Amino acid sequence: MDSIIARGMTFQGCHGVMVQEKTTPQTFQVDLEMFLDLQTAGKNDDLQSTINYDQVFHLVEKIVAGESYALIEALAEQIAQTMLLAFPLMDSLDVTVYKPEAPVQGDFKYFAVKIRRFQK
């Protein structure tokens, strides 16, 4: 299956279980891998046969910067469901949400969740 990959989309949001996380924005990164047949787009060179990157970026931005979620698992699920609804050409997608500023004492690069969801 073909795919379109969006890596390192970076946004500010208020997600977490601690009170401070609900009020003080922190950095979140999102990676998407969107699976769909790209043969028609490749042959016809037509944007209508594929997924518009700009629309993807701004939909994810609206979700991350908008509503607050306690868990990044819930944030990832909302991103996945929104993408599948917005882009019916997409067969499935992987969503990875990174939380590099997680309130954990210790040396780490990030905590993340990765989910895969399918078109119904």
PDB file of N, CA and C in Angstrom:
ATOM      1  N   MET A   1       0.856  -1.184   0.000  1.00  0.00           N
ATOM      2  CA  MET A   1       0.000   0.000   0.000  1.00  0.00           C
ATOM      3  C   MET A   1       0.896   1.238   0.000  1.00  0.00           C
ATOM      4  N   ASP A   2       0.485   2.226  -0.755  1.00  0.00           N
ATOM      5  CA  ASP A   2       1.200   3.498  -0.826  1.00  0.00           C
ATOM      6  C   ASP A   2       0.920   4.313   0.444  1.00  0.00           C
ATOM      7  N   SER A   3       1.757   5.313   0.682  1.00  0.00           N
ATOM      8  CA  SER A   3       1.498   6.154   1.855  1.00  0.00           C
ATOM      9  C   SER A   3       2.029   7.561   1.655  1.00  0.00           C
ATOM     10  N   ILE A   4       1.413   8.476   2.378  1.00  0.00           N
ATOM     11  CA  ILE A   4       1.877   9.852   2.505  1.00  0.00           C
ATOM     12  C   ILE A   4       2.321  10.010   3.948  1.00  0.00           C
ATOM     13  N   ILE A   5       3.499  10.580   4.148  1.00  0.00           N
ATOM     14  CA  ILE A   5       4.089  10.683   5.481  1.00  0.00           C
ATOM     15  C   ILE A   5       4.240  12.150   5.863  1.00  0.00           C
ATOM     16  N   ALA A   6       3.778  12.480   7.048  1.00  0.00           N
ATOM     17  CA  ALA A   6       3.975  13.814   7.631  1.00  0.00           C
ATOM     18  C   ALA A   6       4.727  13.609   8.940  1.00  0.00           C
ATOM     19  N   ARG A   7       5.930  14.121   9.029  1.00  0.00           N
ATOM     20  CA  ARG A   7       6.774  13.918  10.217  1.00  0.00           C
ATOM     21  C   ARG A   7       7.087  15.238  10.907  1.00  0.00           C
ATOM     22  N   GLY A   8       7.056  15.190  12.226  1.00  0.00           N
ATOM     23  CA  GLY A   8       7.537  16.306  13.028  1.00  0.00           C
ATOM     24  C   GLY A   8       6.653  17.538  13.040  1.00  0.00           C
ATOM     25  N   MET A   9       5.355  17.352  12.789  1.00  0.00           N
ATOM     26  CA  MET A   9       4.451  18.509  12.902  1.00  0.00           C
ATOM     27  C   MET A   9       4.446  18.927  14.371  1.00  0.00           C
ATOM     28  N   THR A  10       4.747  20.182  14.646  1.00  0.00           N
ATOM     29  CA  THR A  10       4.955  20.644  16.011  1.00  0.00           C
ATOM     30  C   THR A  10       3.945  21.724  16.367  1.00  0.00           C
ATOM     31  N   PHE A  11       3.302  21.540  17.528  1.00  0.00           N
ATOM     32  CA  PHE A  11       2.245  22.442  17.976  1.00  0.00           C
ATOM     33  C   PHE A  11       2.346  22.650  19.483  1.00  0.00           C
ATOM     34  N   GLN A  12       1.667  23.662  19.967  1.00  0.00           N
ATOM     35  CA  GLN A  12       1.527  23.907  21.404  1.00  0.00           C
ATOM     36  C   GLN A  12       0.125  23.472  21.821  1.00  0.00           C
ATOM     37  N   GLY A  13       0.032  22.795  22.951  1.00  0.00           N
ATOM     38  CA  GLY A  13      -1.263  22.350  23.454  1.00  0.00           C
ATOM     39  C   GLY A  13      -1.229  22.142  24.950  1.00  0.00           C
ATOM     40  N   CYS A  14      -2.408  21.944  25.520  1.00  0.00           N
ATOM     41  CA  CYS A  14      -2.555  21.745  26.974  1.00  0.00           C
ATOM     42  C   CYS A  14      -3.154  20.367  27.228  1.00  0.00           C
ATOM     43  N   HIS A  15      -2.311  19.349  27.206  1.00  0.00           N
ATOM     44  CA  HIS A  15      -2.767  17.971  27.396  1.00  0.00           C
ATOM     45  C   HIS A  15      -1.986  17.333  28.532  1.00  0.00           C
ATOM     46  N   GLY A  16      -2.698  16.682  29.433  1.00  0.00           N
ATOM     47  CA  GLY A  16      -2.061  15.995  30.552  1.00  0.00           C
ATOM     48  C   GLY A  16      -3.016  15.866  31.707  1.00  0.00           C
ATOM     49  N   VAL A  17      -2.612  15.123  32.696  1.00  0.00           N
ATOM     50  CA  VAL A  17      -3.472  14.882  33.858  1.00  0.00           C
ATOM     51  C   VAL A  17      -3.214  15.873  34.991  1.00  0.00           C
ATOM     52  N   MET A  18      -2.078  16.530  34.980  1.00  0.00           N
ATOM     53  CA  MET A  18      -1.757  17.475  36.049  1.00  0.00           C
ATOM     54  C   MET A  18      -2.391  18.840  35.755  1.00  0.00           C
ATOM     55  N   VAL A  19      -2.761  19.571  36.809  1.00  0.00           N
ATOM     56  CA  VAL A  19      -3.419  20.868  36.673  1.00  0.00           C
ATOM     57  C   VAL A  19      -2.584  21.814  35.818  1.00  0.00           C
ATOM     58  N   GLN A  20      -1.294  21.865  36.054  1.00  0.00           N
ATOM     59  CA  GLN A  20      -0.400  22.757  35.311  1.00  0.00           C
ATOM     60  C   GLN A  20      -0.437  22.441  33.811  1.00  0.00           C
ATOM     61  N   GLU A  21      -0.549  21.169  33.461  1.00  0.00           N
ATOM     62  CA  GLU A  21      -0.576  20.781  32.053  1.00  0.00           C
ATOM     63  C   GLU A  21      -1.853  21.247  31.351  1.00  0.00           C
ATOM     64  N   LYS A  22      -2.909  21.447  32.128  1.00  0.00           N
ATOM     65  CA  LYS A  22      -4.185  21.903  31.565  1.00  0.00           C
ATOM     66  C   LYS A  22      -4.195  23.399  31.281  1.00  0.00           C
ATOM     67  N   THR A  23      -3.250  24.136  31.900  1.00  0.00           N
ATOM     68  CA  THR A  23      -3.265  25.594  31.769  1.00  0.00           C
ATOM     69  C   THR A  23      -2.034  26.174  31.081  1.00  0.00           C
ATOM     70  N   THR A  24      -0.920  25.456  31.125  1.00  0.00           N
ATOM     71  CA  THR A  24       0.325  25.945  30.530  1.00  0.00           C
ATOM     72  C   THR A  24       0.637  25.139  29.271  1.00  0.00           C
ATOM     73  N   PRO A  25       0.593  25.778  28.095  1.00  0.00           N
ATOM     74  CA  PRO A  25       0.872  25.040  26.863  1.00  0.00           C
ATOM     75  C   PRO A  25       2.274  24.442  26.856  1.00  0.00           C
ATOM     76  N   GLN A  26       2.376  23.270  26.257  1.00  0.00           N
ATOM     77  CA  GLN A  26       3.663  22.626  26.058  1.00  0.00           C
ATOM     78  C   GLN A  26       3.731  22.103  24.630  1.00  0.00           C
ATOM     79  N   THR A  27       4.915  21.706  24.226  1.00  0.00           N
ATOM     80  CA  THR A  27       5.144  21.259  22.857  1.00  0.00           C
ATOM     81  C   THR A  27       4.703  19.807  22.676  1.00  0.00           C
ATOM     82  N   PHE A  28       4.017  19.574  21.561  1.00  0.00           N
ATOM     83  CA  PHE A  28       3.653  18.228  21.132  1.00  0.00           C
ATOM     84  C   PHE A  28       4.067  18.085  19.679  1.00  0.00           C
ATOM     85  N   GLN A  29       4.568  16.917  19.336  1.00  0.00           N
ATOM     86  CA  GLN A  29       4.875  16.627  17.942  1.00  0.00           C
ATOM     87  C   GLN A  29       3.993  15.481  17.478  1.00  0.00           C
ATOM     88  N   VAL A  30       3.617  15.534  16.200  1.00  0.00           N
ATOM     89  CA  VAL A  30       2.748  14.513  15.627  1.00  0.00           C
ATOM     90  C   VAL A  30       3.350  14.030  14.314  1.00  0.00           C
ATOM     91  N   ASP A  31       3.395  12.712  14.161  1.00  0.00           N
ATOM     92  CA  ASP A  31       3.749  12.074  12.897  1.00  0.00           C
ATOM     93  C   ASP A  31       2.517  11.334  12.390  1.00  0.00           C
ATOM     94  N   LEU A  32       2.286  11.406  11.090  1.00  0.00           N
ATOM     95  CA  LEU A  32       1.224  10.642  10.454  1.00  0.00           C
ATOM     96  C   LEU A  32       1.812   9.838   9.309  1.00  0.00           C
ATOM     97  N   GLU A  33       1.330   8.639   9.143  1.00  0.00           N
ATOM     98  CA  GLU A  33       1.541   7.897   7.902  1.00  0.00           C
ATOM     99  C   GLU A  33       0.161   7.484   7.430  1.00  0.00           C
ATOM    100  N   MET A  34      -0.231   8.039   6.292  1.00  0.00           N
ATOM    101  CA  MET A  34      -1.583   7.854   5.754  1.00  0.00           C
ATOM    102  C   MET A  34      -1.511   6.913   4.557  1.00  0.00           C
ATOM    103  N   PHE A  35      -2.233   5.797   4.639  1.00  0.00           N
ATOM    104  CA  PHE A  35      -2.176   4.760   3.621  1.00  0.00           C
ATOM    105  C   PHE A  35      -3.350   4.896   2.654  1.00  0.00           C
ATOM    106  N   LEU A  36      -3.031   4.950   1.369  1.00  0.00           N
ATOM    107  CA  LEU A  36      -4.037   5.054   0.320  1.00  0.00           C
ATOM    108  C   LEU A  36      -3.384   4.699  -1.002  1.00  0.00           C
ATOM    109  N   ASP A  37      -4.201   4.452  -2.004  1.00  0.00           N
ATOM    110  CA  ASP A  37      -3.700   4.156  -3.334  1.00  0.00           C
ATOM    111  C   ASP A  37      -3.356   5.467  -4.028  1.00  0.00           C
ATOM    112  N   LEU A  38      -2.088   5.653  -4.368  1.00  0.00           N
ATOM    113  CA  LEU A  38      -1.621   6.896  -4.990  1.00  0.00           C
ATOM    114  C   LEU A  38      -1.405   6.762  -6.498  1.00  0.00           C
ATOM    115  N   GLN A  39      -1.805   5.638  -7.062  1.00  0.00           N
ATOM    116  CA  GLN A  39      -1.550   5.405  -8.483  1.00  0.00           C
ATOM    117  C   GLN A  39      -2.280   6.420  -9.367  1.00  0.00           C
ATOM    118  N   THR A  40      -3.543   6.699  -9.082  1.00  0.00           N
ATOM    119  CA  THR A  40      -4.300   7.662  -9.889  1.00  0.00           C
ATOM    120  C   THR A  40      -3.679   9.052  -9.789  1.00  0.00           C
ATOM    121  N   ALA A  41      -3.325   9.463  -8.600  1.00  0.00           N
ATOM    122  CA  ALA A  41      -2.684  10.777  -8.424  1.00  0.00           C
ATOM    123  C   ALA A  41      -1.372  10.830  -9.195  1.00  0.00           C
ATOM    124  N   GLY A  42      -0.600   9.751  -9.158  1.00  0.00           N
ATOM    125  CA  GLY A  42       0.667   9.711  -9.865  1.00  0.00           C
ATOM    126  C   GLY A  42       0.500   9.765 -11.376  1.00  0.00           C
ATOM    127  N   LYS A  43      -0.531   9.116 -11.878  1.00  0.00           N
ATOM    128  CA  LYS A  43      -0.773   9.105 -13.331  1.00  0.00           C
ATOM    129  C   LYS A  43      -1.377  10.412 -13.821  1.00  0.00           C
ATOM    130  N   ASN A  44      -2.314  10.976 -13.034  1.00  0.00           N
ATOM    131  CA  ASN A  44      -3.065  12.156 -13.484  1.00  0.00           C
ATOM    132  C   ASN A  44      -2.491  13.481 -12.998  1.00  0.00           C
ATOM    133  N   ASP A  45      -1.568  13.428 -12.053  1.00  0.00           N
ATOM    134  CA  ASP A  45      -0.977  14.650 -11.499  1.00  0.00           C
ATOM    135  C   ASP A  45      -2.073  15.608 -11.031  1.00  0.00           C
ATOM    136  N   ASP A  46      -3.035  15.045 -10.252  1.00  0.00           N
ATOM    137  CA  ASP A  46      -4.236  15.779  -9.862  1.00  0.00           C
ATOM    138  C   ASP A  46      -4.403  15.727  -8.342  1.00  0.00           C
ATOM    139  N   LEU A  47      -4.450  16.887  -7.713  1.00  0.00           N
ATOM    140  CA  LEU A  47      -4.593  16.980  -6.255  1.00  0.00           C
ATOM    141  C   LEU A  47      -5.872  16.319  -5.744  1.00  0.00           C
ATOM    142  N   GLN A  48      -6.913  16.289  -6.539  1.00  0.00           N
ATOM    143  CA  GLN A  48      -8.182  15.680  -6.121  1.00  0.00           C
ATOM    144  C   GLN A  48      -8.058  14.160  -5.928  1.00  0.00           C
ATOM    145  N   SER A  49      -6.986  13.576  -6.436  1.00  0.00           N
ATOM    146  CA  SER A  49      -6.786  12.128  -6.343  1.00  0.00           C
ATOM    147  C   SER A  49      -5.906  11.733  -5.171  1.00  0.00           C
ATOM    148  N   THR A  50      -5.605  12.678  -4.319  1.00  0.00           N
ATOM    149  CA  THR A  50      -4.706  12.407  -3.190  1.00  0.00           C
ATOM    150  C   THR A  50      -5.167  13.204  -1.978  1.00  0.00           C
ATOM    151  N   ILE A  51      -4.284  13.409  -1.025  1.00  0.00           N
ATOM    152  CA  ILE A  51      -4.587  14.128   0.210  1.00  0.00           C
ATOM    153  C   ILE A  51      -3.792  15.423   0.238  1.00  0.00           C
ATOM    154  N   ASN A  52      -4.454  16.511   0.526  1.00  0.00           N
ATOM    155  CA  ASN A  52      -3.848  17.841   0.555  1.00  0.00           C
ATOM    156  C   ASN A  52      -3.062  18.014   1.865  1.00  0.00           C
ATOM    157  N   TYR A  53      -1.745  18.194   1.745  1.00  0.00           N
ATOM    158  CA  TYR A  53      -0.873  18.312   2.924  1.00  0.00           C
ATOM    159  C   TYR A  53      -1.261  19.483   3.813  1.00  0.00           C
ATOM    160  N   ASP A  54      -1.607  20.597   3.193  1.00  0.00           N
ATOM    161  CA  ASP A  54      -1.974  21.790   3.954  1.00  0.00           C
ATOM    162  C   ASP A  54      -3.207  21.534   4.813  1.00  0.00           C
ATOM    163  N   GLN A  55      -4.186  20.850   4.257  1.00  0.00           N
ATOM    164  CA  GLN A  55      -5.390  20.519   5.026  1.00  0.00           C
ATOM    165  C   GLN A  55      -5.054  19.594   6.188  1.00  0.00           C
ATOM    166  N   VAL A  56      -4.194  18.617   5.947  1.00  0.00           N
ATOM    167  CA  VAL A  56      -3.761  17.696   7.008  1.00  0.00           C
ATOM    168  C   VAL A  56      -3.133  18.483   8.152  1.00  0.00           C
ATOM    169  N   PHE A  57      -2.163  19.331   7.829  1.00  0.00           N
ATOM    170  CA  PHE A  57      -1.448  20.085   8.855  1.00  0.00           C
ATOM    171  C   PHE A  57      -2.415  20.906   9.703  1.00  0.00           C
ATOM    172  N   HIS A  58      -3.309  21.632   9.053  1.00  0.00           N
ATOM    173  CA  HIS A  58      -4.189  22.532   9.797  1.00  0.00           C
ATOM    174  C   HIS A  58      -5.281  21.801  10.575  1.00  0.00           C
ATOM    175  N   LEU A  59      -5.706  20.639  10.123  1.00  0.00           N
ATOM    176  CA  LEU A  59      -6.644  19.830  10.922  1.00  0.00           C
ATOM    177  C   LEU A  59      -5.970  19.319  12.192  1.00  0.00           C
ATOM    178  N   VAL A  60      -4.751  18.829  12.061  1.00  0.00           N
ATOM    179  CA  VAL A  60      -4.024  18.339  13.238  1.00  0.00           C
ATOM    180  C   VAL A  60      -3.737  19.501  14.184  1.00  0.00           C
ATOM    181  N   GLU A  61      -3.328  20.630  13.651  1.00  0.00           N
ATOM    182  CA  GLU A  61      -3.074  21.813  14.479  1.00  0.00           C
ATOM    183  C   GLU A  61      -4.317  22.206  15.282  1.00  0.00           C
ATOM    184  N   LYS A  62      -5.470  22.197  14.642  1.00  0.00           N
ATOM    185  CA  LYS A  62      -6.720  22.568  15.313  1.00  0.00           C
ATOM    186  C   LYS A  62      -7.021  21.629  16.483  1.00  0.00           C
ATOM    187  N   ILE A  63      -6.751  20.345  16.301  1.00  0.00           N
ATOM    188  CA  ILE A  63      -7.007  19.362  17.363  1.00  0.00           C
ATOM    189  C   ILE A  63      -6.019  19.537  18.508  1.00  0.00           C
ATOM    190  N   VAL A  64      -4.720  19.612  18.201  1.00  0.00           N
ATOM    191  CA  VAL A  64      -3.695  19.696  19.251  1.00  0.00           C
ATOM    192  C   VAL A  64      -3.811  21.004  20.024  1.00  0.00           C
ATOM    193  N   ALA A  65      -4.021  22.108  19.326  1.00  0.00           N
ATOM    194  CA  ALA A  65      -4.076  23.418  19.980  1.00  0.00           C
ATOM    195  C   ALA A  65      -5.460  23.727  20.548  1.00  0.00           C
ATOM    196  N   GLY A  66      -6.448  22.926  20.195  1.00  0.00           N
ATOM    197  CA  GLY A  66      -7.825  23.194  20.608  1.00  0.00           C
ATOM    198  C   GLY A  66      -8.169  22.587  21.949  1.00  0.00           C
ATOM    199  N   GLU A  67      -8.999  21.577  21.917  1.00  0.00           N
ATOM    200  CA  GLU A  67      -9.497  20.930  23.137  1.00  0.00           C
ATOM    201  C   GLU A  67      -8.357  20.300  23.941  1.00  0.00           C
ATOM    202  N   SER A  68      -8.567  20.176  25.246  1.00  0.00           N
ATOM    203  CA  SER A  68      -7.564  19.590  26.126  1.00  0.00           C
ATOM    204  C   SER A  68      -7.931  18.143  26.444  1.00  0.00           C
ATOM    205  N   TYR A  69      -6.954  17.271  26.385  1.00  0.00           N
ATOM    206  CA  TYR A  69      -7.147  15.855  26.714  1.00  0.00           C
ATOM    207  C   TYR A  69      -6.234  15.491  27.875  1.00  0.00           C
ATOM    208  N   ALA A  70      -6.697  14.604  28.728  1.00  0.00           N
ATOM    209  CA  ALA A  70      -5.866  14.137  29.836  1.00  0.00           C
ATOM    210  C   ALA A  70      -4.743  13.238  29.318  1.00  0.00           C
ATOM    211  N   LEU A  71      -5.054  12.417  28.324  1.00  0.00           N
ATOM    212  CA  LEU A  71      -4.095  11.425  27.832  1.00  0.00           C
ATOM    213  C   LEU A  71      -3.714  11.699  26.388  1.00  0.00           C
ATOM    214  N   ILE A  72      -2.443  11.476  26.060  1.00  0.00           N
ATOM    215  CA  ILE A  72      -2.054  11.602  24.655  1.00  0.00           C
ATOM    216  C   ILE A  72      -2.665  10.460  23.839  1.00  0.00           C
ATOM    217  N   GLU A  73      -3.070   9.389  24.485  1.00  0.00           N
ATOM    218  CA  GLU A  73      -3.798   8.329  23.795  1.00  0.00           C
ATOM    219  C   GLU A  73      -5.112   8.872  23.228  1.00  0.00           C
ATOM    220  N   ALA A  74      -5.808   9.683  24.011  1.00  0.00           N
ATOM    221  CA  ALA A  74      -7.068  10.289  23.560  1.00  0.00           C
ATOM    222  C   ALA A  74      -6.815  11.316  22.465  1.00  0.00           C
ATOM    223  N   LEU A  75      -5.741  12.065  22.579  1.00  0.00           N
ATOM    224  CA  LEU A  75      -5.378  13.026  21.549  1.00  0.00           C
ATOM    225  C   LEU A  75      -5.098  12.310  20.229  1.00  0.00           C
ATOM    226  N   ALA A  76      -4.341  11.234  20.282  1.00  0.00           N
ATOM    227  CA  ALA A  76      -4.033  10.457  19.076  1.00  0.00           C
ATOM    228  C   ALA A  76      -5.308   9.885  18.458  1.00  0.00           C
ATOM    229  N   GLU A  77      -6.197   9.394  19.282  1.00  0.00           N
ATOM    230  CA  GLU A  77      -7.465   8.835  18.778  1.00  0.00           C
ATOM    231  C   GLU A  77      -8.290   9.905  18.074  1.00  0.00           C
ATOM    232  N   GLN A  78      -8.361  11.089  18.641  1.00  0.00           N
ATOM    233  CA  GLN A  78      -9.122  12.177  18.016  1.00  0.00           C
ATOM    234  C   GLN A  78      -8.506  12.564  16.669  1.00  0.00           C
ATOM    235  N   ILE A  79      -7.196  12.618  16.618  1.00  0.00           N
ATOM    236  CA  ILE A  79      -6.523  12.926  15.349  1.00  0.00           C
ATOM    237  C   ILE A  79      -6.863  11.856  14.309  1.00  0.00           C
ATOM    238  N   ALA A  80      -6.761  10.590  14.685  1.00  0.00           N
ATOM    239  CA  ALA A  80      -7.025   9.496  13.750  1.00  0.00           C
ATOM    240  C   ALA A  80      -8.453   9.549  13.222  1.00  0.00           C
ATOM    241  N   GLN A  81      -9.424   9.697  14.114  1.00  0.00           N
ATOM    242  CA  GLN A  81     -10.824   9.698  13.691  1.00  0.00           C
ATOM    243  C   GLN A  81     -11.132  10.898  12.799  1.00  0.00           C
ATOM    244  N   THR A  82     -10.564  12.048  13.115  1.00  0.00           N
ATOM    245  CA  THR A  82     -10.771  13.254  12.303  1.00  0.00           C
ATOM    246  C   THR A  82     -10.186  13.078  10.910  1.00  0.00           C
ATOM    247  N   MET A  83      -8.991  12.529  10.824  1.00  0.00           N
ATOM    248  CA  MET A  83      -8.346  12.326   9.525  1.00  0.00           C
ATOM    249  C   MET A  83      -9.133  11.348   8.657  1.00  0.00           C
ATOM    250  N   LEU A  84      -9.579  10.242   9.247  1.00  0.00           N
ATOM    251  CA  LEU A  84     -10.338   9.254   8.480  1.00  0.00           C
ATOM    252  C   LEU A  84     -11.656   9.823   7.969  1.00  0.00           C
ATOM    253  N   LEU A  85     -12.289  10.645   8.768  1.00  0.00           N
ATOM    254  CA  LEU A  85     -13.543  11.271   8.352  1.00  0.00           C
ATOM    255  C   LEU A  85     -13.301  12.320   7.266  1.00  0.00           C
ATOM    256  N   ALA A  86     -12.259  13.097   7.411  1.00  0.00           N
ATOM    257  CA  ALA A  86     -11.978  14.193   6.474  1.00  0.00           C
ATOM    258  C   ALA A  86     -11.463  13.701   5.120  1.00  0.00           C
ATOM    259  N   PHE A  87     -10.821  12.542   5.110  1.00  0.00           N
ATOM    260  CA  PHE A  87     -10.181  12.057   3.884  1.00  0.00           C
ATOM    261  C   PHE A  87     -10.638  10.631   3.566  1.00  0.00           C
ATOM    262  N   PRO A  88     -11.775  10.494   2.897  1.00  0.00           N
ATOM    263  CA  PRO A  88     -12.312   9.157   2.615  1.00  0.00           C
ATOM    264  C   PRO A  88     -11.434   8.308   1.689  1.00  0.00           C
ATOM    265  N   LEU A  89     -10.500   8.913   0.959  1.00  0.00           N
ATOM    266  CA  LEU A  89      -9.583   8.134   0.123  1.00  0.00           C
ATOM    267  C   LEU A  89      -8.597   7.329   0.974  1.00  0.00           C
ATOM    268  N   MET A  90      -8.415   7.725   2.231  1.00  0.00           N
ATOM    269  CA  MET A  90      -7.449   7.088   3.124  1.00  0.00           C
ATOM    270  C   MET A  90      -7.995   5.744   3.602  1.00  0.00           C
ATOM    271  N   ASP A  91      -7.215   4.685   3.412  1.00  0.00           N
ATOM    272  CA  ASP A  91      -7.618   3.355   3.888  1.00  0.00           C
ATOM    273  C   ASP A  91      -7.344   3.185   5.377  1.00  0.00           C
ATOM    274  N   SER A  92      -6.206   3.708   5.818  1.00  0.00           N
ATOM    275  CA  SER A  92      -5.818   3.603   7.224  1.00  0.00           C
ATOM    276  C   SER A  92      -4.711   4.614   7.482  1.00  0.00           C
ATOM    277  N   LEU A  93      -4.362   4.767   8.750  1.00  0.00           N
ATOM    278  CA  LEU A  93      -3.257   5.653   9.098  1.00  0.00           C
ATOM    279  C   LEU A  93      -2.648   5.262  10.423  1.00  0.00           C
ATOM    280  N   ASP A  94      -1.382   5.637  10.568  1.00  0.00           N
ATOM    281  CA  ASP A  94      -0.677   5.548  11.838  1.00  0.00           C
ATOM    282  C   ASP A  94      -0.531   6.965  12.358  1.00  0.00           C
ATOM    283  N   VAL A  95      -0.810   7.131  13.643  1.00  0.00           N
ATOM    284  CA  VAL A  95      -0.657   8.424  14.312  1.00  0.00           C
ATOM    285  C   VAL A  95       0.305   8.224  15.474  1.00  0.00           C
ATOM    286  N   THR A  96       1.356   9.029  15.527  1.00  0.00           N
ATOM    287  CA  THR A  96       2.258   9.025  16.677  1.00  0.00           C
ATOM    288  C   THR A  96       2.245  10.418  17.284  1.00  0.00           C
ATOM    289  N   VAL A  97       1.973  10.484  18.588  1.00  0.00           N
ATOM    290  CA  VAL A  97       1.983  11.746  19.326  1.00  0.00           C
ATOM    291  C   VAL A  97       3.137  11.686  20.326  1.00  0.00           C
ATOM    292  N   TYR A  98       4.024  12.670  20.236  1.00  0.00           N
ATOM    293  CA  TYR A  98       5.204  12.766  21.107  1.00  0.00           C
ATOM    294  C   TYR A  98       4.982  13.869  22.138  1.00  0.00           C
ATOM    295  N   LYS A  99       5.376  13.571  23.363  1.00  0.00           N
ATOM    296  CA  LYS A  99       5.283  14.549  24.448  1.00  0.00           C
ATOM    297  C   LYS A  99       6.684  14.714  25.058  1.00  0.00           C
ATOM    298  N   PRO A 100       7.495  15.600  24.465  1.00  0.00           N
ATOM    299  CA  PRO A 100       8.876  15.733  24.939  1.00  0.00           C
ATOM    300  C   PRO A 100       9.010  16.430  26.297  1.00  0.00           C
ATOM    301  N   GLU A 101       7.961  17.134  26.728  1.00  0.00           N
ATOM    302  CA  GLU A 101       8.025  17.845  28.007  1.00  0.00           C
ATOM    303  C   GLU A 101       7.160  17.172  29.075  1.00  0.00           C
ATOM    304  N   ALA A 102       7.025  15.854  28.992  1.00  0.00           N
ATOM    305  CA  ALA A 102       6.229  15.112  29.980  1.00  0.00           C
ATOM    306  C   ALA A 102       6.769  15.368  31.387  1.00  0.00           C
ATOM    307  N   PRO A 103       5.865  15.501  32.363  1.00  0.00           N
ATOM    308  CA  PRO A 103       6.302  15.789  33.738  1.00  0.00           C
ATOM    309  C   PRO A 103       6.856  14.543  34.431  1.00  0.00           C
ATOM    310  N   VAL A 104       8.013  14.108  33.962  1.00  0.00           N
ATOM    311  CA  VAL A 104       8.666  12.917  34.492  1.00  0.00           C
ATOM    312  C   VAL A 104      10.068  13.318  34.926  1.00  0.00           C
ATOM    313  N   GLN A 105      10.428  12.972  36.136  1.00  0.00           N
ATOM    314  CA  GLN A 105      11.773  13.265  36.628  1.00  0.00           C
ATOM    315  C   GLN A 105      12.744  12.273  36.007  1.00  0.00           C
ATOM    316  N   GLY A 106      13.675  12.769  35.232  1.00  0.00           N
ATOM    317  CA  GLY A 106      14.659  11.894  34.612  1.00  0.00           C
ATOM    318  C   GLY A 106      15.059  12.414  33.243  1.00  0.00           C
ATOM    319  N   ASP A 107      16.045  11.762  32.686  1.00  0.00           N
ATOM    320  CA  ASP A 107      16.591  12.155  31.388  1.00  0.00           C
ATOM    321  C   ASP A 107      15.923  11.317  30.304  1.00  0.00           C
ATOM    322  N   PHE A 108      15.186  11.966  29.406  1.00  0.00           N
ATOM    323  CA  PHE A 108      14.517  11.264  28.312  1.00  0.00           C
ATOM    324  C   PHE A 108      14.317  12.223  27.145  1.00  0.00           C
ATOM    325  N   LYS A 109      14.141  11.663  25.963  1.00  0.00           N
ATOM    326  CA  LYS A 109      13.905  12.484  24.771  1.00  0.00           C
ATOM    327  C   LYS A 109      12.418  12.822  24.650  1.00  0.00           C
ATOM    328  N   TYR A 110      11.564  11.829  24.831  1.00  0.00           N
ATOM    329  CA  TYR A 110      10.115  12.029  24.775  1.00  0.00           C
ATOM    330  C   TYR A 110       9.403  10.770  25.237  1.00  0.00           C
ATOM    331  N   PHE A 111       8.136  10.926  25.551  1.00  0.00           N
ATOM    332  CA  PHE A 111       7.213   9.816  25.679  1.00  0.00           C
ATOM    333  C   PHE A 111       6.265   9.940  24.497  1.00  0.00           C
ATOM    334  N   ALA A 112       5.773   8.820  23.990  1.00  0.00           N
ATOM    335  CA  ALA A 112       4.920   8.874  22.807  1.00  0.00           C
ATOM    336  C   ALA A 112       3.942   7.709  22.810  1.00  0.00           C
ATOM    337  N   VAL A 113       2.873   7.882  22.034  1.00  0.00           N
ATOM    338  CA  VAL A 113       1.958   6.785  21.728  1.00  0.00           C
ATOM    339  C   VAL A 113       1.834   6.702  20.213  1.00  0.00           C
ATOM    340  N   LYS A 114       1.655   5.486  19.740  1.00  0.00           N
ATOM    341  CA  LYS A 114       1.447   5.265  18.310  1.00  0.00           C
ATOM    342  C   LYS A 114       0.231   4.362  18.154  1.00  0.00           C
ATOM    343  N   ILE A 115      -0.707   4.796  17.305  1.00  0.00           N
ATOM    344  CA  ILE A 115      -1.900   3.996  17.053  1.00  0.00           C
ATOM    345  C   ILE A 115      -2.081   3.817  15.546  1.00  0.00           C
ATOM    346  N   ARG A 116      -2.775   2.758  15.163  1.00  0.00           N
ATOM    347  CA  ARG A 116      -3.149   2.530  13.760  1.00  0.00           C
ATOM    348  C   ARG A 116      -4.666   2.348  13.721  1.00  0.00           C
ATOM    349  N   ARG A 117      -5.292   3.103  12.822  1.00  0.00           N
ATOM    350  CA  ARG A 117      -6.743   3.021  12.674  1.00  0.00           C
ATOM    351  C   ARG A 117      -7.092   2.855  11.198  1.00  0.00           C
ATOM    352  N   PHE A 118      -8.257   2.244  10.944  1.00  0.00           N
ATOM    353  CA  PHE A 118      -8.696   1.892   9.603  1.00  0.00           C
ATOM    354  C   PHE A 118     -10.016   2.572   9.272  1.00  0.00           C
ATOM    355  N   GLN A 119     -10.201   2.843   7.985  1.00  0.00           N
ATOM    356  CA  GLN A 119     -11.467   3.373   7.496  1.00  0.00           C
ATOM    357  C   GLN A 119     -12.548   2.321   7.728  1.00  0.00           C
ATOM    358  N   LYS A 120     -13.727   2.754   8.127  1.00  0.00           N
ATOM    359  CA  LYS A 120     -14.810   1.783   8.403  1.00  0.00           C
ATOM    360  C   LYS A 120     -15.515   1.409   7.131  1.00  0.00           C
TER     361      LYS A 120
END
